[in-house]
N, C-alpha and C. Protein backbone atom coordinates (compact mmCIF):
# COMPACT_ATOMS: atom_id res chain seq x y z
N MET A 1 100.74 121.97 110.30
CA MET A 1 101.33 120.83 109.83
C MET A 1 101.94 121.51 108.60
N GLU A 2 103.21 121.80 108.53
CA GLU A 2 104.09 122.11 107.40
C GLU A 2 104.33 121.42 106.51
N HIS A 3 103.73 121.98 105.65
CA HIS A 3 103.76 121.88 103.74
C HIS A 3 105.01 121.99 102.78
N THR A 4 106.01 122.43 103.72
CA THR A 4 107.10 122.60 102.96
C THR A 4 108.27 121.61 103.50
N ALA A 5 109.28 121.46 103.37
CA ALA A 5 110.50 120.78 103.60
C ALA A 5 111.72 120.79 102.71
N ASP A 6 112.89 121.21 103.52
CA ASP A 6 114.26 120.91 102.61
C ASP A 6 114.06 119.38 102.09
N ALA A 7 114.75 119.01 100.98
CA ALA A 7 114.82 117.68 100.55
C ALA A 7 116.22 117.10 100.65
N GLY A 8 116.39 116.09 101.05
CA GLY A 8 117.66 115.42 101.08
C GLY A 8 117.93 114.60 99.97
N LEU A 9 118.82 113.80 99.83
CA LEU A 9 119.15 112.72 99.19
C LEU A 9 119.33 111.44 100.11
N ASP A 10 119.25 110.26 99.61
CA ASP A 10 119.07 109.09 100.23
C ASP A 10 121.02 108.65 99.32
N ALA A 11 121.43 107.65 99.88
CA ALA A 11 122.36 106.88 99.86
C ALA A 11 122.83 106.49 98.31
N GLN A 12 121.47 106.18 97.60
CA GLN A 12 121.58 106.17 96.21
C GLN A 12 120.86 107.36 95.33
N GLY A 13 121.42 108.36 95.89
CA GLY A 13 120.95 109.71 95.09
C GLY A 13 119.72 110.27 94.92
N ARG A 14 118.97 109.67 95.60
CA ARG A 14 117.62 109.79 95.64
C ARG A 14 116.59 110.60 96.50
N VAL A 15 115.53 111.37 95.81
CA VAL A 15 115.56 112.89 96.44
C VAL A 15 114.38 112.07 97.97
N THR A 16 114.66 112.27 98.86
CA THR A 16 113.95 111.73 99.90
C THR A 16 112.77 112.84 100.25
N ILE A 17 111.61 112.34 100.55
CA ILE A 17 110.22 112.96 100.84
C ILE A 17 110.06 112.57 102.41
N PRO A 18 109.79 113.33 103.30
CA PRO A 18 108.96 113.21 104.51
C PRO A 18 107.91 112.44 104.34
N PRO A 19 107.71 111.41 105.48
CA PRO A 19 106.21 110.41 105.00
C PRO A 19 105.26 111.28 105.13
N HIS A 20 104.90 112.30 105.88
CA HIS A 20 103.57 113.29 106.17
C HIS A 20 103.58 114.02 104.85
N LEU A 21 104.52 114.37 104.36
CA LEU A 21 104.30 115.11 102.99
C LEU A 21 103.90 114.19 101.73
N ALA A 22 104.48 113.23 102.04
CA ALA A 22 104.07 112.10 100.66
C ALA A 22 102.71 111.98 100.93
N ARG A 23 102.60 111.46 102.43
CA ARG A 23 100.70 111.53 102.44
C ARG A 23 99.93 112.40 102.00
N HIS A 24 100.12 113.62 102.63
CA HIS A 24 99.40 114.89 102.03
C HIS A 24 99.36 115.12 100.63
N ALA A 25 100.57 114.69 100.06
CA ALA A 25 100.18 115.05 98.35
C ALA A 25 99.94 113.62 97.77
N GLY A 26 99.44 112.76 98.40
CA GLY A 26 99.05 111.33 98.05
C GLY A 26 100.13 110.61 96.98
N ILE A 27 100.96 110.72 97.18
CA ILE A 27 102.42 110.33 96.32
C ILE A 27 102.43 108.99 97.14
N LYS A 28 102.69 107.98 96.00
CA LYS A 28 102.60 106.76 96.43
C LYS A 28 104.24 106.12 95.51
N LYS A 29 104.22 106.28 94.17
CA LYS A 29 104.91 105.88 93.63
C LYS A 29 105.62 106.47 92.44
N GLU A 30 104.83 107.23 91.80
CA GLU A 30 105.46 107.97 90.82
C GLU A 30 105.32 109.63 91.54
N VAL A 31 106.32 110.57 90.52
CA VAL A 31 106.26 111.78 91.11
C VAL A 31 106.56 112.81 90.30
N LEU A 32 105.64 114.09 89.98
CA LEU A 32 106.11 114.87 88.99
C LEU A 32 106.72 115.79 89.39
N PHE A 33 107.87 116.61 88.94
CA PHE A 33 108.73 117.69 89.53
C PHE A 33 107.90 118.93 88.59
N VAL A 34 107.53 120.00 89.59
CA VAL A 34 106.87 120.96 88.75
C VAL A 34 107.98 122.13 88.97
N GLY A 35 108.42 123.10 88.74
CA GLY A 35 109.17 124.09 88.92
C GLY A 35 108.32 125.40 88.94
N ALA A 36 108.50 126.02 90.21
CA ALA A 36 107.43 126.73 90.71
C ALA A 36 108.35 128.18 91.28
N GLY A 37 108.85 129.01 90.33
CA GLY A 37 109.60 130.11 90.86
C GLY A 37 110.93 129.33 91.64
N GLU A 38 111.20 129.92 92.60
CA GLU A 38 112.57 129.23 93.12
C GLU A 38 112.20 127.94 93.71
N VAL A 39 111.44 127.43 93.74
CA VAL A 39 111.33 126.02 94.46
C VAL A 39 110.67 124.92 93.53
N ILE A 40 111.03 123.82 93.76
CA ILE A 40 110.51 122.43 93.08
C ILE A 40 109.40 122.05 93.98
N GLU A 41 108.13 121.78 92.84
CA GLU A 41 106.92 121.19 93.81
C GLU A 41 106.96 119.68 93.26
N MET A 42 106.50 118.93 94.15
CA MET A 42 106.58 117.26 93.96
C MET A 42 105.47 116.93 93.77
N TRP A 43 104.58 116.48 92.93
CA TRP A 43 103.32 116.06 93.08
C TRP A 43 102.88 114.56 92.67
N ASP A 44 101.95 114.12 92.77
CA ASP A 44 101.43 113.15 92.58
C ASP A 44 101.04 113.38 90.93
N PRO A 45 101.04 112.58 90.12
CA PRO A 45 100.79 112.64 88.60
C PRO A 45 99.31 113.21 88.51
N ALA A 46 98.37 112.47 88.73
CA ALA A 46 97.25 112.26 88.72
C ALA A 46 96.59 113.62 89.40
N THR A 47 97.20 114.01 90.62
CA THR A 47 96.52 114.67 91.21
C THR A 47 96.67 116.25 90.58
N TYR A 48 98.07 115.96 90.07
CA TYR A 48 98.72 117.31 89.28
C TYR A 48 97.57 117.48 88.02
N ARG A 49 97.44 116.63 87.34
CA ARG A 49 96.48 116.50 86.37
C ARG A 49 95.18 117.27 86.44
N LYS A 50 94.68 116.86 87.69
CA LYS A 50 93.29 117.14 87.84
C LYS A 50 93.20 118.67 88.32
N TYR A 51 94.01 119.17 89.21
CA TYR A 51 94.63 120.58 89.34
C TYR A 51 94.65 121.70 88.39
N VAL A 52 95.83 121.16 87.27
CA VAL A 52 95.61 122.31 86.67
C VAL A 52 94.70 121.99 85.50
N GLY A 53 94.13 120.90 85.27
CA GLY A 53 93.08 120.77 84.44
C GLY A 53 93.55 120.84 82.78
N GLY A 54 92.58 121.83 82.31
CA GLY A 54 93.22 122.09 80.36
C GLY A 54 94.21 123.18 80.36
N SER A 55 94.46 123.68 81.63
CA SER A 55 95.39 124.85 81.14
C SER A 55 96.73 124.59 80.73
N GLU A 56 97.17 123.50 80.46
CA GLU A 56 98.31 123.55 79.88
C GLU A 56 97.94 123.61 78.41
N LYS A 57 96.96 123.24 77.83
CA LYS A 57 96.81 123.07 76.75
C LYS A 57 96.06 124.73 76.25
N ASP A 58 95.50 125.17 77.19
CA ASP A 58 95.19 126.49 76.92
C ASP A 58 96.36 127.63 76.88
N PHE A 59 97.46 127.03 77.49
CA PHE A 59 98.65 127.72 77.48
C PHE A 59 99.19 127.53 76.40
N ASP A 60 99.61 126.46 75.98
CA ASP A 60 100.23 126.19 74.78
C ASP A 60 99.80 126.67 73.35
N ALA A 61 98.05 127.00 73.35
CA ALA A 61 96.95 127.27 72.50
C ALA A 61 97.53 128.97 72.39
N TRP A 62 97.50 129.36 73.66
CA TRP A 62 98.13 130.77 73.71
C TRP A 62 99.59 131.58 73.19
N MET A 63 100.41 130.27 73.57
CA MET A 63 101.67 130.87 73.12
C MET A 63 101.77 130.86 71.55
N THR A 64 101.05 129.76 70.84
CA THR A 64 101.14 129.82 69.56
C THR A 64 101.33 131.02 68.82
N ASN A 65 100.28 131.89 69.76
CA ASN A 65 100.18 133.20 69.00
C ASN A 65 101.09 134.40 68.95
N PHE A 66 102.11 134.09 70.03
CA PHE A 66 102.91 135.00 70.14
C PHE A 66 104.35 134.49 69.89
N LEU A 67 104.56 133.42 69.52
CA LEU A 67 105.68 132.71 68.60
C LEU A 67 105.90 132.97 67.14
């Protein structure tokens, strides 16, 4: 199964997600867009929070040491 796709826009300007990818990602209503290099990942917000765990807080704490 392909886990990537070029995204299109519908007539109202919304990003379309192929149904098989929305099912794979568990996306139902809300989507979180995450920049990842040259691509944008689309995640179910709860799934993304589980995936990154506390890493965002750790990163913020780490950055305060260098700013």
